[in-house]
Amino acid sequence: MFAYDTIPEQELKKVDNICVICWGLIGDVFIRISLLESLKIRFPNASLTVIVDPVSAVALENHPDVDELVKLSRKKVSTIKYLSQLLKTLYRLNRKRFDLSVDSYCGGSSVLATRLINARLRICYNHKRSLRAVNNYLVKKPDFCDNWTMELCKLLLPLGITETRRGTSYFCSRDSLEFADSWLADKEGKKAVINLGAGAENKIWSIKNYVSLAESISENDAFHLIILSNPGQNHLVQEFKALAPDKLNYSILPETSFANVAAVISRVGLIITGDTSIMHLAFGLKCPTLGIFTRTRPEIVDPEDSLHVACFKEGKEKDNCGKYYGTQELTAETCYGRFRELMLLIE
């Protein structure tokens, strides 16, 4: 039995105003979206406020369940400026008199945030003394050896929420869809997106392999390939261009907003990507996905409601759960075989 404190039902009947601390990278926010949606299902008339890092707000800017998105930076470039902004924002949130706060970040600045927001009901994991001191309902911290969304959603057990969706969501804006339609207008035939980049070097597959895979898809399946340009990683696109043969049928999407990238992926309807925020975005769009896992294990992000196939090979190093990490030793031939499996599922 998973240990957690149960909130009395009479207390839950009074929940009209909810705050969720959701700091982290874009991908971290995506794996928490099911938690936010489950809260809205449980308390359909409650107002939902979500605190995110400014860079990660793009994951939630169009989400219909989020009533207020608070962009609160944790970067301490200037201590005085950081504290001034933090305290000013938290004081404003304190005045909203939240009935419930859920700390899905569980550490660092979230302790101070929880204390100053001071919701009536405060939920977090119990693994740190500081968290136990400021939260009045606690859940035993999971080991995160299984799907991370489902592990995070155990925070909702004190609320009587025992079933959550293993997946995420993203909603494109009308402007971004118009951009995608315009940019794709002259790209004829079947199309697939390839995302070369990732936040961590060990999650980036060899560009040489990406080119080999692209050649197989272009030649054997007659696809026009859309190569994404990632902020700060233009060298990956340049390397792809340098290695790609002249006959390869592809276009490069210039660096643009996250919303525009999302719309292009949505309109194309097929993507090949490593384990990064773009992969979570594709899952949220319900876009068929070939996930190339060179370090992380597929099961920790596996969604139940988006068609996907993982390309993964166990390496020799074990993680804290005793499972083997992935390896860069994935061949283009192997991943093309997995691509064909995905195509059969689509057909």
Protein backbone atom coordinates (compact mmCIF):
# COMPACT_ATOMS: atom_id res chain seq x y z
CA MET A 1 0.00 0.00 0.00
CA PHE A 2 1.36 3.41 -0.93
CA ALA A 3 1.52 5.56 2.21
CA TYR A 4 -0.26 8.92 2.18
CA ASP A 5 -2.32 11.18 4.44
CA THR A 6 -6.04 11.32 3.60
CA ILE A 7 -7.79 14.67 3.50
CA PRO A 8 -11.28 14.56 5.09
CA GLU A 9 -14.08 14.84 2.56
CA GLN A 10 -15.60 17.85 4.31
CA GLU A 11 -12.35 19.75 3.69
CA LEU A 12 -12.35 18.82 -0.01
CA LYS A 13 -15.87 20.17 -0.52
CA LYS A 14 -14.46 23.66 0.12
CA VAL A 15 -11.75 23.56 -2.57
CA ASP A 16 -12.42 26.44 -4.97
CA ASN A 17 -8.93 27.81 -5.60
CA ILE A 18 -5.88 25.62 -6.40
CA CYS A 19 -2.20 26.40 -6.88
CA VAL A 20 0.31 23.92 -8.36
CA ILE A 21 4.07 24.48 -8.17
CA CYS A 22 5.31 23.15 -11.48
CA TRP A 23 8.89 24.41 -11.85
CA GLY A 24 11.23 22.53 -14.18
CA LEU A 25 12.23 22.25 -17.82
CA ILE A 26 9.64 22.08 -20.61
CA GLY A 27 9.66 18.28 -20.60
CA ASP A 28 9.21 18.27 -16.81
CA VAL A 29 6.08 20.38 -17.21
CA PHE A 30 4.70 18.10 -19.93
CA ILE A 31 4.91 15.02 -17.70
CA ARG A 32 2.88 16.89 -15.04
CA ILE A 33 0.03 17.97 -17.31
CA SER A 34 -1.99 14.84 -16.50
CA LEU A 35 -1.77 15.87 -12.84
CA LEU A 36 -3.23 19.29 -13.66
CA GLU A 37 -6.01 17.79 -15.76
CA SER A 38 -6.89 15.29 -13.02
CA LEU A 39 -7.19 18.14 -10.52
CA LYS A 40 -9.58 19.93 -12.86
CA ILE A 41 -11.68 16.77 -13.27
CA ARG A 42 -11.82 16.32 -9.49
CA PHE A 43 -12.62 19.99 -8.85
CA PRO A 44 -14.30 21.19 -12.09
CA ASN A 45 -15.42 24.53 -10.68
CA ALA A 46 -12.13 25.41 -9.00
CA SER A 47 -9.74 28.02 -10.38
CA LEU A 48 -6.32 26.54 -11.25
CA THR A 49 -3.10 28.58 -10.95
CA VAL A 50 0.19 27.03 -12.10
CA ILE A 51 3.69 28.34 -11.26
CA VAL A 52 6.34 27.61 -13.92
CA ASP A 53 9.78 28.77 -14.97
CA PRO A 54 9.41 31.40 -17.73
CA VAL A 55 11.11 29.19 -20.33
CA SER A 56 8.66 26.35 -19.64
CA ALA A 57 5.46 28.37 -19.86
CA VAL A 58 5.17 27.44 -23.55
CA ALA A 59 3.94 23.97 -22.56
CA LEU A 60 0.82 25.42 -20.90
CA GLU A 61 0.08 28.77 -22.57
CA ASN A 62 -2.95 27.46 -24.48
CA HIS A 63 -4.16 24.82 -22.02
CA PRO A 64 -7.87 25.31 -21.28
CA ASP A 65 -7.63 23.95 -17.73
CA VAL A 66 -5.11 26.57 -16.58
CA ASP A 67 -6.81 29.75 -15.36
CA GLU A 68 -3.62 31.60 -14.43
CA LEU A 69 -0.06 30.84 -15.50
CA VAL A 70 2.52 32.45 -13.20
CA LYS A 71 5.99 32.75 -14.74
CA LEU A 72 8.38 32.89 -11.79
CA SER A 73 12.10 32.59 -12.46
CA ARG A 74 14.42 30.82 -10.01
CA LYS A 75 17.59 32.19 -11.64
CA LYS A 76 19.70 34.05 -9.08
CA VAL A 77 21.67 36.27 -11.49
CA SER A 78 21.06 39.16 -9.10
CA THR A 79 20.18 38.09 -5.54
CA ILE A 80 18.35 41.35 -4.74
CA LYS A 81 16.34 41.27 -7.99
CA TYR A 82 15.59 37.57 -7.55
CA LEU A 83 14.32 37.96 -3.98
CA SER A 84 12.32 41.06 -4.83
CA GLN A 85 10.55 39.34 -7.72
CA LEU A 86 10.02 36.12 -5.74
CA LEU A 87 8.60 37.79 -2.64
CA LYS A 88 6.41 40.18 -4.63
CA THR A 89 4.87 37.32 -6.64
CA LEU A 90 4.42 35.03 -3.64
CA TYR A 91 2.82 37.82 -1.62
CA ARG A 92 0.33 38.39 -4.44
CA LEU A 93 -0.44 34.67 -4.52
CA ASN A 94 -0.84 34.62 -0.74
CA ARG A 95 -3.60 37.19 -1.06
CA LYS A 96 -5.57 34.80 -3.28
CA ARG A 97 -6.15 32.59 -0.20
CA PHE A 98 -5.73 29.25 -1.96
CA ASP A 99 -7.67 26.28 -0.62
CA LEU A 100 -5.14 23.79 -1.97
CA SER A 101 -1.52 23.81 -3.10
CA VAL A 102 0.27 20.85 -4.69
CA ASP A 103 4.06 20.97 -4.81
CA SER A 104 5.07 18.84 -7.80
CA TYR A 105 8.61 20.26 -7.75
CA CYS A 106 9.35 19.14 -4.19
CA GLY A 107 12.53 20.94 -3.27
CA GLY A 108 14.62 24.08 -3.32
CA SER A 109 12.53 27.21 -3.78
CA SER A 110 9.23 25.33 -3.55
CA VAL A 111 9.58 25.11 0.25
CA LEU A 112 9.62 28.90 0.57
CA ALA A 113 6.87 29.22 -2.04
CA THR A 114 4.61 26.80 -0.19
CA ARG A 115 5.21 28.56 3.12
CA LEU A 116 4.47 32.04 1.77
CA ILE A 117 1.51 31.07 -0.42
CA ASN A 118 0.12 29.33 2.69
CA ALA A 119 -2.81 27.43 1.19
CA ARG A 120 -5.23 25.82 3.59
CA LEU A 121 -4.38 22.31 2.32
CA ARG A 122 -0.78 21.68 1.23
CA ILE A 123 0.39 18.43 -0.42
CA CYS A 124 3.90 17.24 -1.17
CA TYR A 125 6.19 14.20 -0.90
CA ASN A 126 7.60 13.43 2.55
CA HIS A 127 11.29 12.78 1.79
CA LYS A 128 12.74 16.02 3.22
CA ARG A 129 12.38 17.57 6.65
CA SER A 130 11.75 20.99 5.08
CA LEU A 131 8.88 19.60 3.00
CA ARG A 132 7.36 17.89 6.02
CA ALA A 133 7.56 21.16 7.94
CA VAL A 134 5.58 23.30 5.47
CA ASN A 135 3.05 20.79 4.07
CA ASN A 136 0.17 19.42 6.11
CA TYR A 137 -0.60 16.40 3.87
CA LEU A 138 2.20 14.12 2.74
CA VAL A 139 2.75 11.27 0.29
CA LYS A 140 5.63 8.83 0.39
CA LYS A 141 8.05 9.72 -2.38
CA PRO A 142 8.05 7.11 -5.20
CA ASP A 143 11.29 5.63 -6.52
CA PHE A 144 10.52 6.87 -10.06
CA CYS A 145 11.49 3.50 -11.52
CA ASP A 146 8.24 3.33 -13.50
CA ASN A 147 6.37 5.87 -15.63
CA TRP A 148 7.12 9.31 -14.22
CA THR A 149 3.70 10.80 -14.89
CA MET A 150 2.03 8.05 -12.89
CA GLU A 151 4.56 8.43 -10.09
CA LEU A 152 3.99 12.19 -9.92
CA CYS A 153 0.24 11.71 -9.90
CA LYS A 154 0.52 9.80 -6.62
CA LEU A 155 0.61 13.29 -5.11
CA LEU A 156 -3.15 13.33 -5.76
CA LEU A 157 -3.94 10.29 -3.62
CA PRO A 158 -4.86 12.39 -0.53
CA LEU A 159 -7.54 14.01 -2.69
CA GLY A 160 -9.16 10.66 -3.48
CA ILE A 161 -7.79 10.72 -7.05
CA THR A 162 -6.67 7.15 -7.72
CA GLU A 163 -6.87 7.06 -11.53
CA THR A 164 -5.00 9.40 -13.86
CA ARG A 165 -4.15 9.38 -17.55
CA ARG A 166 -0.67 8.25 -18.57
CA GLY A 167 -0.05 10.93 -21.12
CA THR A 168 0.05 14.66 -21.76
CA SER A 169 -1.63 17.37 -23.84
CA TYR A 170 -0.82 20.37 -25.99
CA PHE A 171 -3.19 22.82 -27.67
CA CYS A 172 -2.12 24.78 -30.76
CA SER A 173 -3.19 28.39 -31.23
CA ARG A 174 -5.00 29.54 -34.37
CA ASP A 175 -2.10 31.84 -35.29
CA SER A 176 0.45 29.03 -35.08
CA LEU A 177 -1.70 26.72 -37.21
CA GLU A 178 -1.98 29.44 -39.83
CA PHE A 179 1.82 29.75 -39.79
CA ALA A 180 2.20 26.00 -40.28
CA ASP A 181 -0.28 25.88 -43.14
CA SER A 182 1.51 28.72 -44.88
CA TRP A 183 5.02 27.30 -44.41
CA LEU A 184 4.02 23.78 -45.49
CA ALA A 185 1.98 24.92 -48.50
CA ASP A 186 4.69 24.18 -51.09
CA LYS A 187 5.89 20.91 -49.51
CA GLU A 188 3.99 18.25 -51.41
CA GLY A 189 3.37 14.58 -50.68
CA LYS A 190 3.89 12.58 -47.50
CA LYS A 191 5.90 14.35 -44.84
CA ALA A 192 7.69 13.50 -41.59
CA VAL A 193 9.45 15.72 -39.06
CA ILE A 194 12.94 14.94 -37.76
CA ASN A 195 14.14 16.58 -34.55
CA LEU A 196 17.92 16.36 -34.20
CA GLY A 197 18.42 18.14 -30.88
CA ALA A 198 18.04 17.46 -27.17
CA GLY A 199 18.89 19.22 -23.94
CA ALA A 200 21.55 16.70 -22.91
CA GLU A 201 24.41 15.53 -25.14
CA ASN A 202 23.86 11.87 -24.26
CA LYS A 203 20.30 12.12 -25.63
CA ILE A 204 21.46 13.30 -29.07
CA TRP A 205 21.81 10.49 -31.59
CA SER A 206 24.63 10.61 -34.13
CA ILE A 207 23.81 13.03 -36.98
CA LYS A 208 25.40 10.54 -39.35
CA ASN A 209 22.79 8.00 -38.23
CA TYR A 210 19.99 10.54 -38.65
CA VAL A 211 21.12 11.15 -42.23
CA SER A 212 21.23 7.39 -42.95
CA LEU A 213 17.75 6.96 -41.48
CA ALA A 214 16.49 9.94 -43.47
CA GLU A 215 17.88 8.43 -46.69
CA SER A 216 16.02 5.15 -46.08
CA ILE A 217 12.75 6.94 -45.33
CA SER A 218 13.07 9.28 -48.30
CA GLU A 219 14.06 6.59 -50.81
CA ASN A 220 11.93 3.65 -49.66
CA ASP A 221 8.84 5.47 -48.42
CA ALA A 222 8.90 8.65 -50.56
CA PHE A 223 8.69 11.07 -47.63
CA HIS A 224 9.57 14.75 -47.70
CA LEU A 225 11.45 15.33 -44.45
CA ILE A 226 11.12 18.46 -42.29
CA ILE A 227 14.25 19.08 -40.21
CA LEU A 228 13.72 21.20 -37.08
CA SER A 229 16.13 23.94 -36.02
CA ASN A 230 16.67 23.89 -32.24
CA PRO A 231 17.62 27.06 -30.31
CA GLY A 232 21.35 27.06 -29.59
CA GLN A 233 21.94 23.89 -31.62
CA ASN A 234 22.23 25.17 -35.18
CA HIS A 235 25.45 23.17 -35.52
CA LEU A 236 23.35 19.99 -35.67
CA VAL A 237 21.42 21.27 -38.69
CA GLN A 238 24.65 22.39 -40.34
CA GLU A 239 26.15 18.94 -39.81
CA PHE A 240 23.02 17.32 -41.26
CA LYS A 241 23.24 19.55 -44.34
CA ALA A 242 26.93 18.75 -44.77
CA LEU A 243 26.31 14.97 -44.64
CA ALA A 244 23.00 14.81 -46.53
CA PRO A 245 23.28 13.68 -50.19
CA ASP A 246 21.92 16.01 -52.87
CA LYS A 247 19.12 13.57 -53.72
CA LEU A 248 17.68 13.66 -50.19
CA ASN A 249 14.20 15.23 -50.19
CA TYR A 250 14.09 17.55 -47.19
CA SER A 251 13.42 21.09 -45.98
CA ILE A 252 14.72 22.88 -42.90
CA LEU A 253 12.24 24.69 -40.67
CA PRO A 254 14.02 27.91 -39.63
CA GLU A 255 14.25 28.63 -35.91
CA THR A 256 10.83 29.83 -34.81
CA SER A 257 8.59 29.87 -31.74
CA PHE A 258 7.72 26.74 -29.80
CA ALA A 259 4.06 27.28 -30.73
CA ASN A 260 4.92 27.37 -34.45
CA VAL A 261 7.03 24.22 -34.17
CA ALA A 262 4.10 22.52 -32.43
CA ALA A 263 1.73 23.52 -35.22
CA VAL A 264 4.08 22.21 -37.93
CA ILE A 265 4.37 18.87 -36.11
CA SER A 266 0.60 18.75 -35.73
CA ARG A 267 -0.02 19.41 -39.43
CA VAL A 268 2.67 16.95 -40.60
CA GLY A 269 1.39 14.24 -38.28
CA LEU A 270 4.55 12.10 -37.98
CA ILE A 271 7.83 12.73 -36.13
CA ILE A 272 11.20 11.13 -35.37
CA THR A 273 12.86 12.55 -32.26
CA GLY A 274 15.09 11.83 -29.31
CA ASP A 275 13.89 12.00 -25.71
CA THR A 276 13.43 15.74 -25.32
CA SER A 277 10.68 18.35 -24.92
CA ILE A 278 9.75 17.95 -28.60
CA MET A 279 8.98 14.29 -27.97
CA HIS A 280 6.66 15.19 -25.08
CA LEU A 281 5.10 17.84 -27.30
CA ALA A 282 4.44 15.21 -29.98
CA PHE A 283 2.82 12.95 -27.38
CA GLY A 284 0.63 15.89 -26.33
CA LEU A 285 -0.38 16.48 -29.94
CA LYS A 286 -1.17 12.76 -30.35
CA CYS A 287 1.28 12.72 -33.25
CA PRO A 288 2.64 9.26 -34.22
CA THR A 289 6.21 9.22 -32.93
CA LEU A 290 9.40 7.24 -33.42
CA GLY A 291 11.31 7.89 -30.19
CA ILE A 292 15.07 7.40 -30.32
CA PHE A 293 16.30 6.68 -26.79
CA THR A 294 20.08 6.79 -26.46
CA ARG A 295 20.23 7.12 -22.67
CA THR A 296 16.86 7.15 -20.90
CA ARG A 297 14.47 4.21 -20.85
CA PRO A 298 11.23 4.46 -22.90
CA GLU A 299 8.93 3.19 -20.15
CA ILE A 300 9.48 6.22 -17.92
CA VAL A 301 7.72 8.49 -20.44
CA ASP A 302 5.50 5.96 -22.25
CA PRO A 303 2.02 7.47 -22.94
CA GLU A 304 -1.10 5.36 -23.20
CA ASP A 305 -2.96 7.60 -25.63
CA SER A 306 -0.47 8.50 -28.37
CA LEU A 307 0.75 6.14 -31.09
CA HIS A 308 4.51 5.64 -30.72
CA VAL A 309 7.34 3.15 -31.17
CA ALA A 310 10.62 3.30 -29.25
CA CYS A 311 14.05 2.65 -30.70
CA PHE A 312 16.15 1.55 -27.71
CA LYS A 313 19.07 -0.72 -26.91
CA GLU A 314 20.26 -1.47 -23.39
CA GLY A 315 23.81 -0.51 -22.56
CA LYS A 316 26.07 -1.82 -19.80
CA GLU A 317 25.51 0.84 -17.12
CA LYS A 318 22.67 0.47 -14.60
CA ASP A 319 20.54 3.25 -13.15
CA ASN A 320 19.42 3.62 -9.52
CA CYS A 321 16.54 1.23 -10.21
CA GLY A 322 18.84 -1.56 -11.35
CA LYS A 323 17.78 -1.19 -14.97
CA TYR A 324 20.19 -0.65 -17.83
CA TYR A 325 20.49 2.77 -19.40
CA GLY A 326 20.25 3.02 -23.16
CA THR A 327 23.25 3.31 -25.43
CA GLN A 328 24.28 5.36 -28.44
CA GLU A 329 24.97 2.07 -30.24
CA LEU A 330 21.72 2.21 -32.17
CA THR A 331 22.12 1.65 -35.89
CA ALA A 332 20.17 3.47 -38.55
CA GLU A 333 19.07 0.06 -39.89
CA THR A 334 17.57 -0.89 -36.54
CA CYS A 335 15.70 2.39 -36.22
CA TYR A 336 14.42 2.17 -39.79
CA GLY A 337 12.98 -1.23 -38.91
CA ARG A 338 11.19 0.37 -35.97
CA PHE A 339 9.99 3.16 -38.27
CA ARG A 340 8.41 0.54 -40.53
CA GLU A 341 6.66 -0.96 -37.49
CA LEU A 342 5.24 2.48 -36.70
CA MET A 343 4.02 2.86 -40.28
CA LEU A 344 2.22 -0.49 -40.08
CA LEU A 345 0.48 0.67 -36.89
CA ILE A 346 -0.60 3.88 -38.61
CA GLU A 347 -1.92 2.02 -41.64
